[in-house]
C-alpha atoms as a PDB file:
ATOM      1  CA  UNK A   1     -16.957 -14.879  14.902  1.00  0.00           C
ATOM      2  CA  UNK A   2     -17.052 -14.562  11.108  1.00  0.00           C
ATOM      3  CA  UNK A   3     -14.426 -11.869  10.617  1.00  0.00           C
ATOM      4  CA  UNK A   4     -12.116  -9.509  12.479  1.00  0.00           C
ATOM      5  CA  UNK A   5     -11.150  -6.011  11.352  1.00  0.00           C
ATOM      6  CA  UNK A   6      -7.546  -5.268  12.356  1.00  0.00           C
ATOM      7  CA  UNK A   7      -6.488  -1.624  12.510  1.00  0.00           C
ATOM      8  CA  UNK A   8      -2.995  -0.458  13.475  1.00  0.00           C
ATOM      9  CA  UNK A   9      -2.909   3.172  14.574  1.00  0.00           C
ATOM     10  CA  UNK A  10      -0.411   5.770  15.706  1.00  0.00           C
ATOM     11  CA  UNK A  11      -1.133   9.394  16.537  1.00  0.00           C
ATOM     12  CA  UNK A  12      -4.145   9.724  14.219  1.00  0.00           C
ATOM     13  CA  UNK A  13      -7.069  10.111  16.599  1.00  0.00           C
ATOM     14  CA  UNK A  14      -9.402  11.951  14.213  1.00  0.00           C
ATOM     15  CA  UNK A  15      -8.677   9.641  11.293  1.00  0.00           C
ATOM     16  CA  UNK A  16      -9.268   6.587  13.490  1.00  0.00           C
ATOM     17  CA  UNK A  17     -12.594   7.991  14.707  1.00  0.00           C
ATOM     18  CA  UNK A  18     -13.720   8.534  11.082  1.00  0.00           C
ATOM     19  CA  UNK A  19     -12.612   5.013  10.174  1.00  0.00           C
ATOM     20  CA  UNK A  20     -14.566   3.469  13.070  1.00  0.00           C
ATOM     21  CA  UNK A  21     -17.630   5.574  12.251  1.00  0.00           C
ATOM     22  CA  UNK A  22     -17.636   4.244   8.686  1.00  0.00           C
ATOM     23  CA  UNK A  23     -17.508   0.672  10.020  1.00  0.00           C
ATOM     24  CA  UNK A  24     -20.370   1.366  12.434  1.00  0.00           C
ATOM     25  CA  UNK A  25     -22.476   2.622   9.520  1.00  0.00           C
ATOM     26  CA  UNK A  26     -22.153  -0.692   7.661  1.00  0.00           C
ATOM     27  CA  UNK A  27     -24.958  -3.227   7.493  1.00  0.00           C
ATOM     28  CA  UNK A  28     -23.749  -6.756   8.136  1.00  0.00           C
ATOM     29  CA  UNK A  29     -25.775  -9.807   9.141  1.00  0.00           C
ATOM     30  CA  UNK A  30     -22.561 -11.608  10.085  1.00  0.00           C
ATOM     31  CA  UNK A  31     -20.828 -11.218  13.463  1.00  0.00           C
ATOM     32  CA  UNK A  32     -17.519  -9.363  13.451  1.00  0.00           C
ATOM     33  CA  UNK A  33     -15.125  -7.649  15.845  1.00  0.00           C
ATOM     34  CA  UNK A  34     -12.757  -4.709  15.624  1.00  0.00           C
ATOM     35  CA  UNK A  35      -9.200  -5.177  16.890  1.00  0.00           C
ATOM     36  CA  UNK A  36      -7.236  -1.944  17.354  1.00  0.00           C
ATOM     37  CA  UNK A  37      -3.481  -2.040  17.926  1.00  0.00           C
ATOM     38  CA  UNK A  38      -2.049   1.196  19.334  1.00  0.00           C
ATOM     39  CA  UNK A  39       1.551   1.153  18.110  1.00  0.00           C
ATOM     40  CA  UNK A  40       3.281   2.933  20.970  1.00  0.00           C
ATOM     41  CA  UNK A  41       0.764   5.802  21.121  1.00  0.00           C
ATOM     42  CA  UNK A  42      -0.469   6.379  24.683  1.00  0.00           C
ATOM     43  CA  UNK A  43      -1.957   9.879  24.722  1.00  0.00           C
ATOM     44  CA  UNK A  44      -5.540   8.928  23.858  1.00  0.00           C
ATOM     45  CA  UNK A  45      -5.759   5.149  24.345  1.00  0.00           C
ATOM     46  CA  UNK A  46      -7.906   5.256  27.476  1.00  0.00           C
ATOM     47  CA  UNK A  47     -10.268   7.818  25.987  1.00  0.00           C
ATOM     48  CA  UNK A  48     -10.734   5.670  22.863  1.00  0.00           C
ATOM     49  CA  UNK A  49     -11.307   2.593  25.005  1.00  0.00           C
ATOM     50  CA  UNK A  50     -14.058   4.423  26.853  1.00  0.00           C
ATOM     51  CA  UNK A  51     -15.611   5.627  23.595  1.00  0.00           C
ATOM     52  CA  UNK A  52     -15.501   2.153  22.028  1.00  0.00           C
ATOM     53  CA  UNK A  53     -15.782  -0.348  24.910  1.00  0.00           C
ATOM     54  CA  UNK A  54     -16.846  -3.206  22.623  1.00  0.00           C
ATOM     55  CA  UNK A  55     -13.653  -3.061  20.549  1.00  0.00           C
ATOM     56  CA  UNK A  56     -10.575  -5.144  21.344  1.00  0.00           C
ATOM     57  CA  UNK A  57      -7.784  -2.658  22.097  1.00  0.00           C
ATOM     58  CA  UNK A  58      -4.113  -3.431  22.659  1.00  0.00           C
ATOM     59  CA  UNK A  59      -1.239  -1.048  23.413  1.00  0.00           C
ATOM     60  CA  UNK A  60       2.237  -2.205  22.371  1.00  0.00           C
ATOM     61  CA  UNK A  61       5.674  -0.649  22.471  1.00  0.00           C
ATOM     62  CA  UNK A  62       6.544   1.276  19.323  1.00  0.00           C
ATOM     63  CA  UNK A  63       7.454  -1.236  16.659  1.00  0.00           C
ATOM     64  CA  UNK A  64       7.096  -1.830  12.934  1.00  0.00           C
ATOM     65  CA  UNK A  65       3.537  -1.858  11.566  1.00  0.00           C
ATOM     66  CA  UNK A  66       4.163  -5.477  10.518  1.00  0.00           C
ATOM     67  CA  UNK A  67       4.805  -6.485  14.143  1.00  0.00           C
ATOM     68  CA  UNK A  68       1.697  -4.599  15.252  1.00  0.00           C
ATOM     69  CA  UNK A  69      -0.411  -6.452  12.675  1.00  0.00           C
ATOM     70  CA  UNK A  70       1.002  -9.771  13.848  1.00  0.00           C
ATOM     71  CA  UNK A  71      -0.095  -8.833  17.371  1.00  0.00           C
ATOM     72  CA  UNK A  72      -3.543  -8.098  15.972  1.00  0.00           C
ATOM     73  CA  UNK A  73      -3.645 -11.488  14.276  1.00  0.00           C
ATOM     74  CA  UNK A  74      -2.809 -13.190  17.564  1.00  0.00           C
ATOM     75  CA  UNK A  75      -5.709 -11.453  19.287  1.00  0.00           C
ATOM     76  CA  UNK A  76      -8.300 -11.834  16.524  1.00  0.00           C
ATOM     77  CA  UNK A  77     -11.052 -14.447  16.751  1.00  0.00           C
ATOM     78  CA  UNK A  78     -12.511 -14.168  13.260  1.00  0.00           C
ATOM     79  CA  UNK A  79     -12.399 -16.819  10.562  1.00  0.00           C
ATOM     80  CA  UNK A  80     -11.402 -14.060   8.126  1.00  0.00           C
ATOM     81  CA  UNK A  81      -9.124 -11.109   8.871  1.00  0.00           C
ATOM     82  CA  UNK A  82      -9.665  -7.699   7.288  1.00  0.00           C
ATOM     83  CA  UNK A  83      -6.633  -5.387   7.435  1.00  0.00           C
ATOM     84  CA  UNK A  84      -7.665  -1.727   7.295  1.00  0.00           C
ATOM     85  CA  UNK A  85      -5.538   1.401   7.800  1.00  0.00           C
ATOM     86  CA  UNK A  86      -6.569   4.004  10.356  1.00  0.00           C
ATOM     87  CA  UNK A  87      -6.625   6.777   7.710  1.00  0.00           C
ATOM     88  CA  UNK A  88      -9.119   4.864   5.543  1.00  0.00           C
ATOM     89  CA  UNK A  89     -12.884   4.738   5.681  1.00  0.00           C
ATOM     90  CA  UNK A  90     -15.438   2.474   4.043  1.00  0.00           C
ATOM     91  CA  UNK A  91     -18.113   3.415   1.498  1.00  0.00           C
ATOM     92  CA  UNK A  92     -21.659   2.748   2.792  1.00  0.00           C
ATOM     93  CA  UNK A  93     -22.159  -0.523   0.881  1.00  0.00           C
ATOM     94  CA  UNK A  94     -18.672  -1.993   1.351  1.00  0.00           C
ATOM     95  CA  UNK A  95     -19.677  -5.252   3.075  1.00  0.00           C
ATOM     96  CA  UNK A  96     -22.276  -6.026   0.400  1.00  0.00           C
ATOM     97  CA  UNK A  97     -19.431  -6.878  -2.012  1.00  0.00           C
ATOM     98  CA  UNK A  98     -17.722  -9.373   0.317  1.00  0.00           C
ATOM     99  CA  UNK A  99     -18.715 -12.884  -0.725  1.00  0.00           C
ATOM    100  CA  UNK A 100     -17.794 -15.404   1.963  1.00  0.00           C
ATOM    101  CA  UNK A 101     -19.323 -18.258  -0.041  1.00  0.00           C
ATOM    102  CA  UNK A 102     -16.590 -17.991  -2.663  1.00  0.00           C
ATOM    103  CA  UNK A 103     -13.403 -20.060  -2.448  1.00  0.00           C
ATOM    104  CA  UNK A 104     -10.918 -17.196  -2.064  1.00  0.00           C
ATOM    105  CA  UNK A 105      -8.149 -17.373   0.528  1.00  0.00           C
ATOM    106  CA  UNK A 106      -6.890 -13.831  -0.037  1.00  0.00           C
ATOM    107  CA  UNK A 107      -9.127 -11.036  -1.273  1.00  0.00           C
ATOM    108  CA  UNK A 108      -8.968  -7.296  -1.772  1.00  0.00           C
ATOM    109  CA  UNK A 109      -9.526  -4.254  -3.906  1.00  0.00           C
ATOM    110  CA  UNK A 110      -8.096  -0.771  -4.537  1.00  0.00           C
ATOM    111  CA  UNK A 111      -8.094   2.397  -2.495  1.00  0.00           C
ATOM    112  CA  UNK A 112      -9.587   5.658  -3.778  1.00  0.00           C
ATOM    113  CA  UNK A 113      -9.070   9.310  -3.016  1.00  0.00           C
ATOM    114  CA  UNK A 114     -11.887  10.548  -0.734  1.00  0.00           C
ATOM    115  CA  UNK A 115     -14.475  12.800  -2.440  1.00  0.00           C
ATOM    116  CA  UNK A 116     -13.595  15.563   0.001  1.00  0.00           C
ATOM    117  CA  UNK A 117      -9.908  16.160  -0.739  1.00  0.00           C
ATOM    118  CA  UNK A 118      -7.642  19.070  -1.631  1.00  0.00           C
ATOM    119  CA  UNK A 119      -6.549  19.737  -5.206  1.00  0.00           C
ATOM    120  CA  UNK A 120      -3.101  18.331  -4.438  1.00  0.00           C
ATOM    121  CA  UNK A 121      -4.563  15.171  -2.897  1.00  0.00           C
ATOM    122  CA  UNK A 122      -6.803  14.616  -5.924  1.00  0.00           C
ATOM    123  CA  UNK A 123      -3.865  15.065  -8.292  1.00  0.00           C
ATOM    124  CA  UNK A 124      -1.826  12.598  -6.223  1.00  0.00           C
ATOM    125  CA  UNK A 125      -4.722  10.159  -6.438  1.00  0.00           C
ATOM    126  CA  UNK A 126      -4.869  10.526 -10.217  1.00  0.00           C
ATOM    127  CA  UNK A 127      -1.087  10.164 -10.552  1.00  0.00           C
ATOM    128  CA  UNK A 128      -0.758   6.987  -8.477  1.00  0.00           C
ATOM    129  CA  UNK A 129      -3.604   5.394 -10.432  1.00  0.00           C
ATOM    130  CA  UNK A 130      -1.757   6.095 -13.698  1.00  0.00           C
ATOM    131  CA  UNK A 131       0.107   3.210 -15.397  1.00  0.00           C
ATOM    132  CA  UNK A 132       2.641   5.790 -16.662  1.00  0.00           C
ATOM    133  CA  UNK A 133       3.553   6.560 -13.041  1.00  0.00           C
ATOM    134  CA  UNK A 134       2.994   3.368 -11.038  1.00  0.00           C
ATOM    135  CA  UNK A 135       3.644   0.780 -13.720  1.00  0.00           C
ATOM    136  CA  UNK A 136       2.085  -2.618 -12.907  1.00  0.00           C
ATOM    137  CA  UNK A 137       0.856  -1.490  -9.464  1.00  0.00           C
ATOM    138  CA  UNK A 138      -1.539   1.213 -10.701  1.00  0.00           C
ATOM    139  CA  UNK A 139      -4.560  -1.062 -10.115  1.00  0.00           C
ATOM    140  CA  UNK A 140      -3.937  -0.758  -6.377  1.00  0.00           C
ATOM    141  CA  UNK A 141      -5.383   2.734  -6.651  1.00  0.00           C
ATOM    142  CA  UNK A 142      -7.703   2.409  -9.628  1.00  0.00           C
ATOM    143  CA  UNK A 143     -11.243   1.073 -10.045  1.00  0.00           C
ATOM    144  CA  UNK A 144     -11.490   1.565 -13.809  1.00  0.00           C
ATOM    145  CA  UNK A 145     -11.242  -2.140 -14.494  1.00  0.00           C
ATOM    146  CA  UNK A 146     -14.580  -3.887 -13.952  1.00  0.00           C
ATOM    147  CA  UNK A 147     -13.273  -7.450 -14.081  1.00  0.00           C
ATOM    148  CA  UNK A 148     -12.659  -9.644 -11.051  1.00  0.00           C
ATOM    149  CA  UNK A 149      -9.201 -11.228 -11.162  1.00  0.00           C
ATOM    150  CA  UNK A 150      -9.097 -14.680  -9.560  1.00  0.00           C
ATOM    151  CA  UNK A 151      -5.344 -14.990  -9.991  1.00  0.00           C
ATOM    152  CA  UNK A 152      -4.219 -11.723  -8.452  1.00  0.00           C
ATOM    153  CA  UNK A 153      -1.154 -10.727  -6.444  1.00  0.00           C
ATOM    154  CA  UNK A 154       0.869  -7.861  -5.047  1.00  0.00           C
ATOM    155  CA  UNK A 155       0.546  -5.688  -8.160  1.00  0.00           C
ATOM    156  CA  UNK A 156      -3.197  -5.293  -7.470  1.00  0.00           C
ATOM    157  CA  UNK A 157      -3.729  -5.863  -3.748  1.00  0.00           C
ATOM    158  CA  UNK A 158      -2.919  -3.262  -1.125  1.00  0.00           C
ATOM    159  CA  UNK A 159      -2.574  -3.668   2.649  1.00  0.00           C
ATOM    160  CA  UNK A 160      -5.114  -1.005   3.587  1.00  0.00           C
ATOM    161  CA  UNK A 161      -7.866  -3.090   1.961  1.00  0.00           C
ATOM    162  CA  UNK A 162      -6.848  -6.714   2.361  1.00  0.00           C
ATOM    163  CA  UNK A 163      -8.752  -9.832   3.503  1.00  0.00           C
ATOM    164  CA  UNK A 164      -6.939 -13.055   4.435  1.00  0.00           C
ATOM    165  CA  UNK A 165      -8.242 -16.302   5.919  1.00  0.00           C
ATOM    166  CA  UNK A 166      -6.908 -16.671   9.448  1.00  0.00           C
ATOM    167  CA  UNK A 167      -5.874 -20.282   8.821  1.00  0.00           C
ATOM    168  CA  UNK A 168      -3.087 -18.971   6.584  1.00  0.00           C
ATOM    169  CA  UNK A 169      -1.521 -17.493   9.714  1.00  0.00           C
ATOM    170  CA  UNK A 170      -2.618 -19.998  12.371  1.00  0.00           C
ATOM    171  CA  UNK A 171      -2.312 -23.357  10.621  1.00  0.00           C
ATOM    172  CA  UNK A 172       0.298 -22.548   7.994  1.00  0.00           C
ATOM    173  CA  UNK A 173       2.504 -20.252  10.065  1.00  0.00           C
ATOM    174  CA  UNK A 174       2.632 -17.240   7.774  1.00  0.00           C
ATOM    175  CA  UNK A 175       3.272 -13.807   9.284  1.00  0.00           C
ATOM    176  CA  UNK A 176       3.962 -10.284   8.133  1.00  0.00           C
ATOM    177  CA  UNK A 177       7.723  -9.822   7.804  1.00  0.00           C
ATOM    178  CA  UNK A 178       8.575  -7.655  10.829  1.00  0.00           C
ATOM    179  CA  UNK A 179      11.915  -6.420   9.496  1.00  0.00           C
ATOM    180  CA  UNK A 180      10.083  -4.448   6.800  1.00  0.00           C
ATOM    181  CA  UNK A 181       8.883  -0.976   7.753  1.00  0.00           C
ATOM    182  CA  UNK A 182       6.635  -0.573   4.699  1.00  0.00           C
ATOM    183  CA  UNK A 183       4.928  -2.741   2.086  1.00  0.00           C
ATOM    184  CA  UNK A 184       5.185  -5.868   4.201  1.00  0.00           C
ATOM    185  CA  UNK A 185       2.146  -7.226   2.362  1.00  0.00           C
ATOM    186  CA  UNK A 186       4.243  -7.477  -0.828  1.00  0.00           C
ATOM    187  CA  UNK A 187       6.482 -10.116   0.703  1.00  0.00           C
ATOM    188  CA  UNK A 188       3.560 -12.066   2.184  1.00  0.00           C
ATOM    189  CA  UNK A 189       1.607 -11.977  -1.074  1.00  0.00           C
ATOM    190  CA  UNK A 190       4.630 -13.235  -2.992  1.00  0.00           C
ATOM    191  CA  UNK A 191       4.884 -16.172  -0.588  1.00  0.00           C
ATOM    192  CA  UNK A 192       1.201 -16.967  -0.982  1.00  0.00           C
ATOM    193  CA  UNK A 193       1.388 -16.596  -4.763  1.00  0.00           C
ATOM    194  CA  UNK A 194       4.205 -19.150  -4.915  1.00  0.00           C
ATOM    195  CA  UNK A 195       2.051 -21.529  -2.859  1.00  0.00           C
ATOM    196  CA  UNK A 196      -0.766 -21.105  -5.409  1.00  0.00           C
ATOM    197  CA  UNK A 197      -3.264 -19.630  -2.967  1.00  0.00           C
ATOM    198  CA  UNK A 198      -6.570 -18.435  -4.373  1.00  0.00           C
ATOM    199  CA  UNK A 199      -6.033 -14.675  -4.489  1.00  0.00           C
ATOM    200  CA  UNK A 200      -8.940 -12.555  -5.730  1.00  0.00           C
ATOM    201  CA  UNK A 201      -9.093  -8.886  -6.703  1.00  0.00           C
ATOM    202  CA  UNK A 202     -12.397  -7.052  -7.117  1.00  0.00           C
ATOM    203  CA  UNK A 203     -12.234  -3.375  -8.206  1.00  0.00           C
ATOM    204  CA  UNK A 204     -15.709  -2.775  -6.749  1.00  0.00           C
ATOM    205  CA  UNK A 205     -14.440  -3.507  -3.238  1.00  0.00           C
ATOM    206  CA  UNK A 206     -12.652  -0.228  -2.558  1.00  0.00           C
ATOM    207  CA  UNK A 207     -11.914   1.923   0.466  1.00  0.00           C
ATOM    208  CA  UNK A 208     -11.355   5.664   0.671  1.00  0.00           C
ATOM    209  CA  UNK A 209      -7.745   6.388   1.619  1.00  0.00           C
ATOM    210  CA  UNK A 210      -6.464   9.834   2.556  1.00  0.00           C
ATOM    211  CA  UNK A 211      -3.609  11.045   0.345  1.00  0.00           C
ATOM    212  CA  UNK A 212      -0.582  12.966   1.589  1.00  0.00           C
ATOM    213  CA  UNK A 213      -1.309  16.601   2.311  1.00  0.00           C
ATOM    214  CA  UNK A 214       2.089  18.016   1.281  1.00  0.00           C
ATOM    215  CA  UNK A 215       4.765  17.196  -1.276  1.00  0.00           C
ATOM    216  CA  UNK A 216       7.244  16.733   1.570  1.00  0.00           C
ATOM    217  CA  UNK A 217       5.149  13.962   3.128  1.00  0.00           C
ATOM    218  CA  UNK A 218       4.594  12.405  -0.282  1.00  0.00           C
ATOM    219  CA  UNK A 219       8.340  12.380  -1.026  1.00  0.00           C
ATOM    220  CA  UNK A 220       9.124  10.719   2.324  1.00  0.00           C
ATOM    221  CA  UNK A 221       6.490   8.039   1.724  1.00  0.00           C
ATOM    222  CA  UNK A 222       7.719   7.323  -1.801  1.00  0.00           C
ATOM    223  CA  UNK A 223      11.359   7.067  -0.686  1.00  0.00           C
ATOM    224  CA  UNK A 224      10.386   4.534   1.976  1.00  0.00           C
ATOM    225  CA  UNK A 225       8.453   2.532  -0.617  1.00  0.00           C
ATOM    226  CA  UNK A 226      11.540   2.438  -2.846  1.00  0.00           C
ATOM    227  CA  UNK A 227      13.685   1.257   0.042  1.00  0.00           C
ATOM    228  CA  UNK A 228      11.215  -1.471   0.978  1.00  0.00           C
ATOM    229  CA  UNK A 229      11.109  -2.682  -2.634  1.00  0.00           C
ATOM    230  CA  UNK A 230      14.852  -3.366  -2.487  1.00  0.00           C
ATOM    231  CA  UNK A 231      14.490  -5.126   0.872  1.00  0.00           C
ATOM    232  CA  UNK A 232      11.628  -7.224  -0.527  1.00  0.00           C
ATOM    233  CA  UNK A 233      13.647  -8.174  -3.578  1.00  0.00           C
ATOM    234  CA  UNK A 234      16.713  -9.196  -1.571  1.00  0.00           C
ATOM    235  CA  UNK A 235      14.581 -11.421   0.659  1.00  0.00           C
ATOM    236  CA  UNK A 236      12.898 -13.075  -2.324  1.00  0.00           C
ATOM    237  CA  UNK A 237      14.519 -12.205  -5.678  1.00  0.00           C
ATOM    238  CA  UNK A 238      12.108 -12.849  -8.528  1.00  0.00           C
ATOM    239  CA  UNK A 239      12.965 -11.982 -12.121  1.00  0.00           C
ATOM    240  CA  UNK A 240       9.510 -10.519 -12.690  1.00  0.00           C
ATOM    241  CA  UNK A 241      10.200  -7.895 -10.003  1.00  0.00           C
ATOM    242  CA  UNK A 242      13.005  -6.245 -11.955  1.00  0.00           C
ATOM    243  CA  UNK A 243      10.393  -4.047 -13.623  1.00  0.00           C
ATOM    244  CA  UNK A 244      10.059  -2.161 -10.322  1.00  0.00           C
ATOM    245  CA  UNK A 245      13.662  -0.976 -10.703  1.00  0.00           C
ATOM    246  CA  UNK A 246      13.005   0.715 -14.067  1.00  0.00           C
ATOM    247  CA  UNK A 247      12.613   4.194 -12.476  1.00  0.00           C
ATOM    248  CA  UNK A 248      16.377   4.136 -11.831  1.00  0.00           C
ATOM    249  CA  UNK A 249      17.027   3.878 -15.569  1.00  0.00           C
ATOM    250  CA  UNK A 250      14.358   6.507 -16.244  1.00  0.00           C
ATOM    251  CA  UNK A 251      16.060   8.995 -13.925  1.00  0.00           C
ATOM    252  CA  UNK A 252      19.562   8.256 -15.198  1.00  0.00           C
ATOM    253  CA  UNK A 253      18.402   8.948 -18.753  1.00  0.00           C
ATOM    254  CA  UNK A 254      16.601  12.087 -17.586  1.00  0.00           C
ATOM    255  CA  UNK A 255      19.737  13.410 -15.854  1.00  0.00           C
ATOM    256  CA  UNK A 256      21.801  12.608 -18.946  1.00  0.00           C
ATOM    257  CA  UNK A 257      19.320  14.591 -21.047  1.00  0.00           C
ATOM    258  CA  UNK A 258      19.459  17.569 -18.648  1.00  0.00           C
ATOM    259  CA  UNK A 259      23.230  17.798 -19.095  1.00  0.00           C
ATOM    260  CA  UNK A 260      23.026  16.940 -22.792  1.00  0.00           C
ATOM    261  CA  UNK A 261      19.923  18.820 -23.975  1.00  0.00           C
ATOM    262  CA  UNK A 262      20.654  18.257 -27.666  1.00  0.00           C
ATOM    263  CA  UNK A 263      20.771  14.472 -27.409  1.00  0.00           C
ATOM    264  CA  UNK A 264      18.034  12.359 -28.956  1.00  0.00           C
ATOM    265  CA  UNK A 265      16.837  11.418 -25.457  1.00  0.00           C
ATOM    266  CA  UNK A 266      14.696  14.549 -25.585  1.00  0.00           C
ATOM    267  CA  UNK A 267      12.295  12.704 -27.877  1.00  0.00           C
ATOM    268  CA  UNK A 268      11.920   9.948 -25.283  1.00  0.00           C
ATOM    269  CA  UNK A 269      10.842  12.392 -22.598  1.00  0.00           C
ATOM    270  CA  UNK A 270       8.734  14.499 -24.923  1.00  0.00           C
ATOM    271  CA  UNK A 271       6.918  11.287 -25.842  1.00  0.00           C
ATOM    272  CA  UNK A 272       6.464  10.498 -22.141  1.00  0.00           C
ATOM    273  CA  UNK A 273       5.079  13.964 -21.432  1.00  0.00           C
ATOM    274  CA  UNK A 274       2.694  13.618 -24.391  1.00  0.00           C
ATOM    275  CA  UNK A 275       1.516  10.213 -23.139  1.00  0.00           C
ATOM    276  CA  UNK A 276       0.812  11.533 -19.638  1.00  0.00           C
ATOM    277  CA  UNK A 277      -0.859  14.599 -21.172  1.00  0.00           C
ATOM    278  CA  UNK A 278      -3.243  12.477 -23.240  1.00  0.00           C
ATOM    279  CA  UNK A 279      -3.904  10.157 -20.306  1.00  0.00           C
ATOM    280  CA  UNK A 280      -4.603  13.167 -18.106  1.00  0.00           C
ATOM    281  CA  UNK A 281      -7.048  14.561 -20.662  1.00  0.00           C
ATOM    282  CA  UNK A 282      -8.924  11.248 -20.656  1.00  0.00           C
ATOM    283  CA  UNK A 283      -8.888  10.979 -16.868  1.00  0.00           C
ATOM    284  CA  UNK A 284      -9.298  14.565 -15.726  1.00  0.00           C
ATOM    285  CA  UNK A 285     -11.251  15.836 -18.765  1.00  0.00           C
ATOM    286  CA  UNK A 286      -8.939  18.826 -18.641  1.00  0.00           C
ATOM    287  CA  UNK A 287      -5.179  19.378 -18.578  1.00  0.00           C
ATOM    288  CA  UNK A 288      -3.330  20.212 -15.379  1.00  0.00           C
ATOM    289  CA  UNK A 289       0.452  20.572 -15.512  1.00  0.00           C
ATOM    290  CA  UNK A 290       0.629  19.314 -11.927  1.00  0.00           C
ATOM    291  CA  UNK A 291      -0.582  15.891 -13.069  1.00  0.00           C
ATOM    292  CA  UNK A 292       2.402  15.414 -15.378  1.00  0.00           C
ATOM    293  CA  UNK A 293       4.711  17.039 -12.841  1.00  0.00           C
ATOM    294  CA  UNK A 294       3.689  14.520 -10.173  1.00  0.00           C
ATOM    295  CA  UNK A 295       4.656  11.676 -12.503  1.00  0.00           C
ATOM    296  CA  UNK A 296       8.243  12.964 -12.612  1.00  0.00           C
ATOM    297  CA  UNK A 297       8.161  13.791  -8.879  1.00  0.00           C
ATOM    298  CA  UNK A 298       7.071  10.284  -7.873  1.00  0.00           C
ATOM    299  CA  UNK A 299       9.463   8.511 -10.243  1.00  0.00           C
ATOM    300  CA  UNK A 300      12.384  10.643  -9.040  1.00  0.00           C
ATOM    301  CA  UNK A 301      11.880  10.035  -5.313  1.00  0.00           C
ATOM    302  CA  UNK A 302      11.012   6.370  -5.812  1.00  0.00           C
ATOM    303  CA  UNK A 303      14.276   5.815  -7.679  1.00  0.00           C
ATOM    304  CA  UNK A 304      16.063   7.823  -4.966  1.00  0.00           C
ATOM    305  CA  UNK A 305      14.717   5.345  -2.395  1.00  0.00           C
ATOM    306  CA  UNK A 306      15.802   2.412  -4.571  1.00  0.00           C
ATOM    307  CA  UNK A 307      19.318   3.789  -5.019  1.00  0.00           C
ATOM    308  CA  UNK A 308      19.721   4.731  -1.356  1.00  0.00           C
ATOM    309  CA  UNK A 309      18.729   1.268  -0.149  1.00  0.00           C
ATOM    310  CA  UNK A 310      20.898  -0.450  -2.773  1.00  0.00           C
ATOM    311  CA  UNK A 311      23.779   1.668  -1.486  1.00  0.00           C
ATOM    312  CA  UNK A 312      22.996   0.781   2.142  1.00  0.00           C
ATOM    313  CA  UNK A 313      22.834  -2.923   1.321  1.00  0.00           C
ATOM    314  CA  UNK A 314      26.120  -2.691  -0.593  1.00  0.00           C
ATOM    315  CA  UNK A 315      27.837  -1.041   2.391  1.00  0.00           C
ATOM    316  CA  UNK A 316      26.468  -3.768   4.694  1.00  0.00           C
ATOM    317  CA  UNK A 317      27.813  -6.439   2.373  1.00  0.00           C
ATOM    318  CA  UNK A 318      31.253  -4.795   2.202  1.00  0.00           C
ATOM    319  CA  UNK A 319      31.395  -4.399   6.005  1.00  0.00           C
ATOM    320  CA  UNK A 320      30.450  -8.043   6.423  1.00  0.00           C
ATOM    321  CA  UNK A 321      33.199  -9.153   4.042  1.00  0.00           C
ATOM    322  CA  UNK A 322      35.801  -6.939   5.744  1.00  0.00           C
ATOM    323  CA  UNK A 323      34.741  -8.133   9.208  1.00  0.00           C
ATOM    324  CA  UNK A 324      35.052 -11.776   8.161  1.00  0.00           C
ATOM    325  CA  UNK A 325      38.708 -11.221   7.227  1.00  0.00           C
ATOM    326  CA  UNK A 326      39.639  -9.294  10.367  1.00  0.00           C
END
């Protein structure tokens, strides 16, 4: 078996069906299997098994997505493992860009907003592919760069479109960190980067990934990402990661400006608005206020997640100290 596609799913029957249909439409001369892990969802498992009898299906008790992926790894037979989210689907020529003759050990590309998406979803897609919003991680959602990076890492690779040689898990003992609820690939990729694995990024190898349909769902997702960033950092503190905490400073300065409107900080934010405006003109070919608004929205809720998790970790530390003296 050349490669295994591992999909973790929960309560997204229609999205999963679209994902599997896009895989079935691919042309591949190499043998592969599809491993589906149902993360505690029981309502349609038997029906899906009957619809796709050739797929490897496993039902587990509700757990973290990282644990579910580790279960998938244990049941996969492929030499290479392709991690794909259930709300993603592949473009028709996806497999034609996968070069198994190269020497990569980890490989991936960005996700894109599907062509058929609402106005809000398209604006979210544009915002998260903006360096003014996502900082160093904007390439996870952008295909504007044409260059292949043979020394990539977590700032470019994303879990919904990630290939890893199985030997990294089987022979070397790596796993997805199961204590993390989100962004568990960040921690794994940092480990592999430190070990000098050959990590490739190709912007042509993209998947279509559904964006959040409401601002409420987007806010929840962003908060969780902020929390997981703190958890990642505490598990493996790297100086280079401090840049991901900059939204806290951004929001503190913004709040200071709100309560002190005549301070010189107004020029900082006016400059930021102008930068996002010009970037939006280049990207969208027209100006939409929602594009700039989403930048502030995402930065605010991301910093909220950072601050909330820093507070939680501080309380845990204080409780631990108090308990040790009791």
